[in-house]
Amino acid sequence: MLCHGHDVQGSLVDRETRCVHYHSKLDIIAIKFYCCGLHFPCFSCHEESGCGHPAVWPKERFNEKAILCGACGCEMTVEQYMSCHSECPSCRAKFNPGCNLHKAYYFEV
């Protein structure tokens, strides 16, 4: 599905990047997976239809854009996302703070 000009893969339910696995009001980010360079709303979507070789973003690449805000289309670096306090720096949309519990699926910790 095209979301703010970006192709987002997975089991999407709307254009703000919510998926069948995570679809609350706050679940509005897509992550560009380091392994394949494709955007997915979550690790489960990547597992179901991704490259089959998941790899996390290494710390030395945290300055690269990898997070898409589903509300406005703002692209953030991993550093920006990790320090944004669950809020888009561009449009101030709130992100799900529970995503922090899963960061090891996406980023080197």
C-alpha atoms as a PDB file:
ATOM      1  CA  MET A   1       0.000   0.000   0.000  1.00  0.00           C
ATOM      2  CA  LEU A   2       1.213   3.474  -0.768  1.00  0.00           C
ATOM      3  CA  CYS A   3       1.472   5.569   2.415  1.00  0.00           C
ATOM      4  CA  HIS A   4       2.599   9.171   1.977  1.00  0.00           C
ATOM      5  CA  GLY A   5       4.479   8.231  -1.185  1.00  0.00           C
ATOM      6  CA  HIS A   6       6.195   5.205   0.390  1.00  0.00           C
ATOM      7  CA  ASP A   7       5.428   1.605  -0.420  1.00  0.00           C
ATOM      8  CA  VAL A   8       4.605  -0.094   2.892  1.00  0.00           C
ATOM      9  CA  GLN A   9       4.411  -3.882   2.851  1.00  0.00           C
ATOM     10  CA  GLY A  10       2.493  -6.211   5.146  1.00  0.00           C
ATOM     11  CA  SER A  11      -1.069  -6.783   6.269  1.00  0.00           C
ATOM     12  CA  LEU A  12      -2.089  -3.130   6.334  1.00  0.00           C
ATOM     13  CA  VAL A  13      -5.515  -1.996   7.417  1.00  0.00           C
ATOM     14  CA  ASP A  14      -5.192   1.726   6.629  1.00  0.00           C
ATOM     15  CA  ARG A  15      -3.007   4.405   5.030  1.00  0.00           C
ATOM     16  CA  GLU A  16      -1.556   5.469   8.389  1.00  0.00           C
ATOM     17  CA  THR A  17       0.412   2.177   8.478  1.00  0.00           C
ATOM     18  CA  ARG A  18      -1.741   0.289  10.990  1.00  0.00           C
ATOM     19  CA  CYS A  19      -1.678  -3.457  10.431  1.00  0.00           C
ATOM     20  CA  VAL A  20      -3.676  -6.497  11.514  1.00  0.00           C
ATOM     21  CA  HIS A  21      -1.201  -7.084  14.354  1.00  0.00           C
ATOM     22  CA  TYR A  22      -1.019  -3.521  15.723  1.00  0.00           C
ATOM     23  CA  HIS A  23      -3.960  -1.264  14.923  1.00  0.00           C
ATOM     24  CA  SER A  24      -4.610   1.058  17.839  1.00  0.00           C
ATOM     25  CA  LYS A  25      -4.953   4.804  17.381  1.00  0.00           C
ATOM     26  CA  LEU A  26      -1.231   5.105  18.263  1.00  0.00           C
ATOM     27  CA  ASP A  27       0.140   2.425  15.909  1.00  0.00           C
ATOM     28  CA  ILE A  28       1.127   4.762  13.102  1.00  0.00           C
ATOM     29  CA  ILE A  29       4.732   4.078  12.196  1.00  0.00           C
ATOM     30  CA  ALA A  30       6.363   1.896   9.585  1.00  0.00           C
ATOM     31  CA  ILE A  31       9.941   0.732   9.881  1.00  0.00           C
ATOM     32  CA  LYS A  32      12.317   0.347   6.967  1.00  0.00           C
ATOM     33  CA  PHE A  33      13.911  -2.990   7.724  1.00  0.00           C
ATOM     34  CA  TYR A  34      17.683  -2.944   7.610  1.00  0.00           C
ATOM     35  CA  CYS A  35      17.882  -6.366   5.966  1.00  0.00           C
ATOM     36  CA  CYS A  36      15.775  -5.644   2.882  1.00  0.00           C
ATOM     37  CA  GLY A  37      15.202  -1.876   2.816  1.00  0.00           C
ATOM     38  CA  LEU A  38      11.417  -2.326   2.729  1.00  0.00           C
ATOM     39  CA  HIS A  39       8.926  -0.618   5.039  1.00  0.00           C
ATOM     40  CA  PHE A  40       6.707  -2.771   7.251  1.00  0.00           C
ATOM     41  CA  PRO A  41       4.404  -1.749  10.125  1.00  0.00           C
ATOM     42  CA  CYS A  42       5.793  -4.445  12.431  1.00  0.00           C
ATOM     43  CA  PHE A  43       8.101  -7.402  12.856  1.00  0.00           C
ATOM     44  CA  SER A  44       5.206  -9.848  12.403  1.00  0.00           C
ATOM     45  CA  CYS A  45       4.302  -8.354   9.014  1.00  0.00           C
ATOM     46  CA  HIS A  46       7.958  -8.640   7.992  1.00  0.00           C
ATOM     47  CA  GLU A  47       8.048 -12.231   9.184  1.00  0.00           C
ATOM     48  CA  GLU A  48       4.961 -13.095   7.128  1.00  0.00           C
ATOM     49  CA  SER A  49       5.904 -11.422   3.855  1.00  0.00           C
ATOM     50  CA  GLY A  50       9.404  -9.976   4.157  1.00  0.00           C
ATOM     51  CA  CYS A  51      12.785 -11.069   2.951  1.00  0.00           C
ATOM     52  CA  GLY A  52      13.072 -14.046   5.305  1.00  0.00           C
ATOM     53  CA  HIS A  53      16.410 -12.846   6.695  1.00  0.00           C
ATOM     54  CA  PRO A  54      15.636 -10.311   9.448  1.00  0.00           C
ATOM     55  CA  ALA A  55      18.495  -8.122  10.574  1.00  0.00           C
ATOM     56  CA  VAL A  56      18.429  -5.202  12.999  1.00  0.00           C
ATOM     57  CA  TRP A  57      19.751  -1.710  12.376  1.00  0.00           C
ATOM     58  CA  PRO A  58      23.349  -1.537  13.674  1.00  0.00           C
ATOM     59  CA  LYS A  59      24.147   1.354  16.031  1.00  0.00           C
ATOM     60  CA  GLU A  60      26.618   2.873  13.590  1.00  0.00           C
ATOM     61  CA  ARG A  61      23.752   3.348  11.082  1.00  0.00           C
ATOM     62  CA  PHE A  62      21.271   4.981  13.499  1.00  0.00           C
ATOM     63  CA  ASN A  63      21.773   8.276  11.613  1.00  0.00           C
ATOM     64  CA  GLU A  64      19.938   6.887   8.564  1.00  0.00           C
ATOM     65  CA  LYS A  65      16.235   7.433   7.901  1.00  0.00           C
ATOM     66  CA  ALA A  66      14.335   4.293   8.814  1.00  0.00           C
ATOM     67  CA  ILE A  67      11.034   5.333  10.434  1.00  0.00           C
ATOM     68  CA  LEU A  68       7.963   6.673   8.669  1.00  0.00           C
ATOM     69  CA  CYS A  69       5.221   8.550  10.504  1.00  0.00           C
ATOM     70  CA  GLY A  70       1.912   7.233   9.206  1.00  0.00           C
ATOM     71  CA  ALA A  71       0.121  10.459  10.122  1.00  0.00           C
ATOM     72  CA  CYS A  72       2.187  12.934   8.088  1.00  0.00           C
ATOM     73  CA  GLY A  73       4.841  10.972   6.184  1.00  0.00           C
ATOM     74  CA  CYS A  74       7.789  12.427   8.089  1.00  0.00           C
ATOM     75  CA  GLU A  75      10.871  10.239   7.762  1.00  0.00           C
ATOM     76  CA  MET A  76      13.020   9.961  10.866  1.00  0.00           C
ATOM     77  CA  THR A  77      16.414   8.534  11.535  1.00  0.00           C
ATOM     78  CA  VAL A  78      16.622   5.770  14.113  1.00  0.00           C
ATOM     79  CA  GLU A  79      18.247   8.300  16.484  1.00  0.00           C
ATOM     80  CA  GLN A  80      15.386  10.773  16.023  1.00  0.00           C
ATOM     81  CA  TYR A  81      12.797   8.064  16.575  1.00  0.00           C
ATOM     82  CA  MET A  82      14.473   6.724  19.698  1.00  0.00           C
ATOM     83  CA  SER A  83      14.614  10.194  21.235  1.00  0.00           C
ATOM     84  CA  CYS A  84      11.210  11.542  20.114  1.00  0.00           C
ATOM     85  CA  HIS A  85       9.323  10.504  23.282  1.00  0.00           C
ATOM     86  CA  SER A  86       6.687   8.654  21.206  1.00  0.00           C
ATOM     87  CA  GLU A  87       5.680  11.769  19.276  1.00  0.00           C
ATOM     88  CA  CYS A  88       6.332  12.745  15.657  1.00  0.00           C
ATOM     89  CA  PRO A  89       8.779  15.667  15.575  1.00  0.00           C
ATOM     90  CA  SER A  90       6.967  17.070  12.546  1.00  0.00           C
ATOM     91  CA  CYS A  91       3.206  16.772  13.165  1.00  0.00           C
ATOM     92  CA  ARG A  92       3.205  15.877  16.896  1.00  0.00           C
ATOM     93  CA  ALA A  93       1.099  12.742  16.317  1.00  0.00           C
ATOM     94  CA  LYS A  94       1.436  10.337  19.235  1.00  0.00           C
ATOM     95  CA  PHE A  95       3.140   6.971  18.690  1.00  0.00           C
ATOM     96  CA  ASN A  96       2.562   3.829  20.711  1.00  0.00           C
ATOM     97  CA  PRO A  97       5.042   3.977  23.637  1.00  0.00           C
ATOM     98  CA  GLY A  98       4.720   0.193  23.951  1.00  0.00           C
ATOM     99  CA  CYS A  99       6.835  -0.146  20.802  1.00  0.00           C
ATOM    100  CA  ASN A 100       9.853   0.377  23.048  1.00  0.00           C
ATOM    101  CA  LEU A 101       9.249  -3.133  24.381  1.00  0.00           C
ATOM    102  CA  HIS A 102      10.024  -4.538  20.917  1.00  0.00           C
ATOM    103  CA  LYS A 103      12.983  -2.386  19.875  1.00  0.00           C
ATOM    104  CA  ALA A 104      15.381  -5.361  19.890  1.00  0.00           C
ATOM    105  CA  TYR A 105      13.441  -6.724  16.880  1.00  0.00           C
ATOM    106  CA  TYR A 106      14.439  -3.656  14.869  1.00  0.00           C
ATOM    107  CA  PHE A 107      17.507  -1.995  16.385  1.00  0.00           C
ATOM    108  CA  GLU A 108      20.778  -3.071  17.934  1.00  0.00           C
ATOM    109  CA  VAL A 109      20.459  -2.488  21.672  1.00  0.00           C
END
